[in-house]
Amino acid sequence: MSAPHCLLALKAIPNAPRNEVVGWLGEALKVKVHAPALEGRANEELCDFLATQLKLPRRAVTVAQGGKARQKLVAIAGLTLAEVRTRLAV
């Protein structure tokens, strides 16, 4: 049996004053990140921040789709979508 994993729909807001999970917009999670949207820095910080919030290793969180868009799909290894929602509890 393989480990659980899921795809999480996100709306990312770069250049925010701080990193924070804002809340759910329908099925998508709105997340603000401090890093600018330059050279993938916002995506890196987004993945780091989500991994920390979900108490997962950094390698467990990757951008699967939408690398240069605000609407993204993030792949999360080790958790189901229900577990992600519970851990973020927003």
N, C-alpha and C. Protein backbone atom coordinates (compact mmCIF):
# COMPACT_ATOMS: atom_id res chain seq x y z
N MET A 1 0.85 -1.19 0.00
CA MET A 1 0.00 0.00 0.00
C MET A 1 0.88 1.24 0.00
N SER A 2 0.56 2.21 -0.84
CA SER A 2 1.38 3.41 -0.93
C SER A 2 0.96 4.43 0.14
N ALA A 3 1.87 5.35 0.41
CA ALA A 3 1.60 6.40 1.39
C ALA A 3 0.53 7.34 0.84
N PRO A 4 -0.26 7.95 1.71
CA PRO A 4 -1.29 8.88 1.23
C PRO A 4 -0.64 10.11 0.62
N HIS A 5 -1.35 10.70 -0.33
CA HIS A 5 -0.92 11.96 -0.91
C HIS A 5 -2.14 12.66 -1.47
N CYS A 6 -2.02 13.95 -1.76
CA CYS A 6 -3.15 14.68 -2.31
C CYS A 6 -2.64 15.87 -3.11
N LEU A 7 -3.55 16.44 -3.89
CA LEU A 7 -3.30 17.69 -4.60
C LEU A 7 -4.16 18.76 -3.94
N LEU A 8 -3.54 19.85 -3.58
CA LEU A 8 -4.23 20.94 -2.91
C LEU A 8 -4.28 22.14 -3.84
N ALA A 9 -5.49 22.64 -4.11
CA ALA A 9 -5.65 23.85 -4.93
C ALA A 9 -5.35 25.06 -4.05
N LEU A 10 -4.53 25.97 -4.59
CA LEU A 10 -4.11 27.15 -3.83
C LEU A 10 -4.30 28.42 -4.62
N LYS A 11 -4.54 29.50 -3.91
CA LYS A 11 -4.40 30.83 -4.49
C LYS A 11 -3.27 31.48 -3.70
N ALA A 12 -2.14 31.70 -4.36
CA ALA A 12 -0.96 32.26 -3.70
C ALA A 12 -0.90 33.76 -3.92
N ILE A 13 -0.60 34.50 -2.86
CA ILE A 13 -0.45 35.95 -2.91
C ILE A 13 0.99 36.29 -2.52
N PRO A 14 1.85 36.62 -3.50
CA PRO A 14 3.24 36.97 -3.19
C PRO A 14 3.36 38.39 -2.63
N ASN A 15 4.53 38.73 -2.11
CA ASN A 15 4.85 40.07 -1.60
C ASN A 15 3.99 40.49 -0.42
N ALA A 16 3.53 39.55 0.37
CA ALA A 16 2.72 39.88 1.55
C ALA A 16 3.65 40.31 2.69
N PRO A 17 3.12 41.02 3.68
CA PRO A 17 3.97 41.43 4.83
C PRO A 17 4.55 40.24 5.58
N ARG A 18 3.82 39.10 5.61
CA ARG A 18 4.32 37.90 6.29
C ARG A 18 3.65 36.68 5.66
N ASN A 19 4.19 35.52 5.97
CA ASN A 19 3.58 34.26 5.49
C ASN A 19 2.37 33.95 6.37
N GLU A 20 1.25 33.66 5.72
CA GLU A 20 0.08 33.24 6.50
C GLU A 20 -0.93 32.51 5.64
N VAL A 21 -1.66 31.60 6.29
CA VAL A 21 -2.79 30.93 5.67
C VAL A 21 -4.00 31.80 5.93
N VAL A 22 -4.63 32.29 4.85
CA VAL A 22 -5.75 33.21 5.01
C VAL A 22 -7.05 32.45 5.26
N GLY A 23 -7.29 31.42 4.47
CA GLY A 23 -8.52 30.64 4.63
C GLY A 23 -8.91 29.99 3.32
N TRP A 24 -10.05 29.36 3.32
CA TRP A 24 -10.52 28.62 2.14
C TRP A 24 -11.39 29.50 1.28
N LEU A 25 -11.15 29.46 -0.03
CA LEU A 25 -12.01 30.10 -1.03
C LEU A 25 -12.63 28.96 -1.83
N GLY A 26 -13.75 28.44 -1.37
CA GLY A 26 -14.32 27.24 -1.99
C GLY A 26 -13.40 26.07 -1.72
N GLU A 27 -12.89 25.44 -2.78
CA GLU A 27 -11.98 24.30 -2.64
C GLU A 27 -10.51 24.72 -2.58
N ALA A 28 -10.23 25.99 -2.84
CA ALA A 28 -8.84 26.47 -2.87
C ALA A 28 -8.46 27.13 -1.55
N LEU A 29 -7.22 26.93 -1.15
CA LEU A 29 -6.68 27.55 0.06
C LEU A 29 -5.94 28.82 -0.34
N LYS A 30 -6.26 29.93 0.31
CA LYS A 30 -5.57 31.19 0.04
C LYS A 30 -4.41 31.33 1.01
N VAL A 31 -3.21 31.50 0.45
CA VAL A 31 -1.99 31.60 1.24
C VAL A 31 -1.19 32.81 0.81
N LYS A 32 -0.78 33.62 1.78
CA LYS A 32 0.09 34.77 1.51
C LYS A 32 1.53 34.38 1.82
N VAL A 33 2.45 34.78 0.94
CA VAL A 33 3.87 34.54 1.20
C VAL A 33 4.63 35.86 1.08
N HIS A 34 5.64 35.98 1.90
CA HIS A 34 6.43 37.21 1.97
C HIS A 34 7.31 37.41 0.73
N ALA A 35 7.79 36.32 0.14
CA ALA A 35 8.74 36.40 -0.97
C ALA A 35 8.09 36.98 -2.23
N PRO A 36 8.88 37.67 -3.05
CA PRO A 36 8.38 38.18 -4.32
C PRO A 36 8.26 37.05 -5.34
N ALA A 37 7.44 37.26 -6.36
CA ALA A 37 7.24 36.26 -7.40
C ALA A 37 8.35 36.39 -8.45
N LEU A 38 9.58 36.22 -8.04
CA LEU A 38 10.74 36.33 -8.92
C LEU A 38 11.55 35.04 -8.85
N GLU A 39 11.90 34.48 -10.00
CA GLU A 39 12.80 33.33 -10.08
C GLU A 39 12.37 32.18 -9.17
N GLY A 40 11.07 32.00 -9.00
CA GLY A 40 10.57 30.88 -8.21
C GLY A 40 10.69 31.04 -6.70
N ARG A 41 11.10 32.22 -6.24
CA ARG A 41 11.30 32.39 -4.79
C ARG A 41 9.99 32.27 -4.02
N ALA A 42 8.90 32.80 -4.57
CA ALA A 42 7.61 32.70 -3.87
C ALA A 42 7.17 31.23 -3.79
N ASN A 43 7.40 30.45 -4.85
CA ASN A 43 7.04 29.03 -4.81
C ASN A 43 7.85 28.29 -3.77
N GLU A 44 9.16 28.58 -3.69
CA GLU A 44 10.02 27.94 -2.69
C GLU A 44 9.53 28.26 -1.28
N GLU A 45 9.26 29.54 -1.04
CA GLU A 45 8.81 29.95 0.29
C GLU A 45 7.43 29.36 0.60
N LEU A 46 6.57 29.29 -0.41
CA LEU A 46 5.24 28.70 -0.24
C LEU A 46 5.36 27.24 0.20
N CYS A 47 6.20 26.47 -0.48
CA CYS A 47 6.39 25.05 -0.14
C CYS A 47 7.01 24.90 1.25
N ASP A 48 8.02 25.74 1.56
CA ASP A 48 8.64 25.70 2.90
C ASP A 48 7.60 25.98 3.97
N PHE A 49 6.82 27.04 3.76
CA PHE A 49 5.81 27.46 4.74
C PHE A 49 4.75 26.37 4.94
N LEU A 50 4.24 25.80 3.84
CA LEU A 50 3.22 24.75 3.96
C LEU A 50 3.77 23.52 4.65
N ALA A 51 5.00 23.14 4.32
CA ALA A 51 5.61 21.97 4.97
C ALA A 51 5.71 22.19 6.48
N THR A 52 6.11 23.39 6.89
CA THR A 52 6.21 23.72 8.31
C THR A 52 4.83 23.67 8.97
N GLN A 53 3.84 24.29 8.33
CA GLN A 53 2.49 24.32 8.89
C GLN A 53 1.89 22.92 9.02
N LEU A 54 2.21 22.05 8.06
CA LEU A 54 1.66 20.70 8.06
C LEU A 54 2.53 19.70 8.83
N LYS A 55 3.66 20.19 9.36
CA LYS A 55 4.61 19.33 10.10
C LYS A 55 5.08 18.17 9.24
N LEU A 56 5.50 18.50 8.02
CA LEU A 56 6.01 17.53 7.07
C LEU A 56 7.43 17.93 6.66
N PRO A 57 8.23 16.97 6.16
CA PRO A 57 9.54 17.36 5.62
C PRO A 57 9.35 18.22 4.38
N ARG A 58 10.28 19.10 4.11
CA ARG A 58 10.16 20.03 2.98
C ARG A 58 9.94 19.30 1.64
N ARG A 59 10.58 18.15 1.46
CA ARG A 59 10.47 17.42 0.19
C ARG A 59 9.05 16.88 -0.05
N ALA A 60 8.20 16.88 0.96
CA ALA A 60 6.84 16.35 0.82
C ALA A 60 5.89 17.33 0.15
N VAL A 61 6.31 18.58 -0.03
CA VAL A 61 5.42 19.61 -0.61
C VAL A 61 6.08 20.17 -1.86
N THR A 62 5.40 20.01 -3.01
CA THR A 62 5.92 20.52 -4.28
C THR A 62 4.81 21.15 -5.11
N VAL A 63 5.18 22.12 -5.94
CA VAL A 63 4.21 22.74 -6.86
C VAL A 63 4.06 21.80 -8.05
N ALA A 64 2.85 21.27 -8.24
CA ALA A 64 2.59 20.32 -9.33
C ALA A 64 2.12 21.04 -10.59
N GLN A 65 1.41 22.15 -10.44
CA GLN A 65 0.89 22.91 -11.58
C GLN A 65 0.81 24.37 -11.21
N GLY A 66 0.97 25.24 -12.20
CA GLY A 66 0.80 26.67 -11.99
C GLY A 66 2.01 27.35 -11.40
N GLY A 67 3.20 26.92 -11.79
CA GLY A 67 4.44 27.49 -11.26
C GLY A 67 4.54 29.00 -11.38
N LYS A 68 3.99 29.57 -12.45
CA LYS A 68 4.08 31.02 -12.64
C LYS A 68 2.73 31.72 -12.48
N ALA A 69 1.73 30.98 -12.00
CA ALA A 69 0.39 31.56 -11.82
C ALA A 69 0.06 31.68 -10.34
N ARG A 70 -0.95 32.48 -10.03
CA ARG A 70 -1.39 32.57 -8.64
C ARG A 70 -2.21 31.35 -8.24
N GLN A 71 -2.96 30.81 -9.22
CA GLN A 71 -3.72 29.59 -8.97
C GLN A 71 -2.78 28.41 -9.18
N LYS A 72 -2.58 27.60 -8.16
CA LYS A 72 -1.63 26.50 -8.22
C LYS A 72 -2.25 25.21 -7.72
N LEU A 73 -1.62 24.11 -8.10
CA LEU A 73 -1.91 22.82 -7.50
C LEU A 73 -0.62 22.39 -6.82
N VAL A 74 -0.72 22.11 -5.53
CA VAL A 74 0.43 21.70 -4.75
C VAL A 74 0.26 20.23 -4.38
N ALA A 75 1.28 19.43 -4.67
CA ALA A 75 1.26 18.01 -4.30
C ALA A 75 1.81 17.87 -2.89
N ILE A 76 1.07 17.15 -2.05
CA ILE A 76 1.47 16.94 -0.67
C ILE A 76 1.55 15.43 -0.42
N ALA A 77 2.75 14.96 -0.12
CA ALA A 77 2.97 13.53 0.15
C ALA A 77 2.84 13.28 1.64
N GLY A 78 2.18 12.19 1.98
CA GLY A 78 2.09 11.79 3.38
C GLY A 78 0.79 12.14 4.07
N LEU A 79 -0.07 12.92 3.41
CA LEU A 79 -1.35 13.30 4.01
C LEU A 79 -2.46 13.22 2.98
N THR A 80 -3.67 12.94 3.44
CA THR A 80 -4.86 13.04 2.58
C THR A 80 -5.35 14.49 2.65
N LEU A 81 -6.25 14.85 1.74
CA LEU A 81 -6.79 16.21 1.74
C LEU A 81 -7.52 16.50 3.05
N ALA A 82 -8.23 15.52 3.59
CA ALA A 82 -8.93 15.70 4.86
C ALA A 82 -7.94 15.99 5.99
N GLU A 83 -6.79 15.29 6.00
CA GLU A 83 -5.77 15.53 7.02
C GLU A 83 -5.14 16.92 6.87
N VAL A 84 -4.95 17.35 5.61
CA VAL A 84 -4.43 18.70 5.36
C VAL A 84 -5.39 19.74 5.92
N ARG A 85 -6.67 19.59 5.63
CA ARG A 85 -7.69 20.54 6.14
C ARG A 85 -7.68 20.57 7.67
N THR A 86 -7.56 19.40 8.29
CA THR A 86 -7.54 19.33 9.75
C THR A 86 -6.31 20.02 10.33
N ARG A 87 -5.14 19.75 9.76
CA ARG A 87 -3.91 20.34 10.28
C ARG A 87 -3.86 21.85 10.09
N LEU A 88 -4.45 22.35 8.99
CA LEU A 88 -4.44 23.80 8.76
C LEU A 88 -5.53 24.49 9.57
N ALA A 89 -6.64 23.82 9.78
CA ALA A 89 -7.73 24.27 10.65
C ALA A 89 -8.01 25.76 10.54
N VAL A 90 -8.28 26.22 9.32
CA VAL A 90 -8.65 27.64 9.12
C VAL A 90 -10.05 27.73 8.58
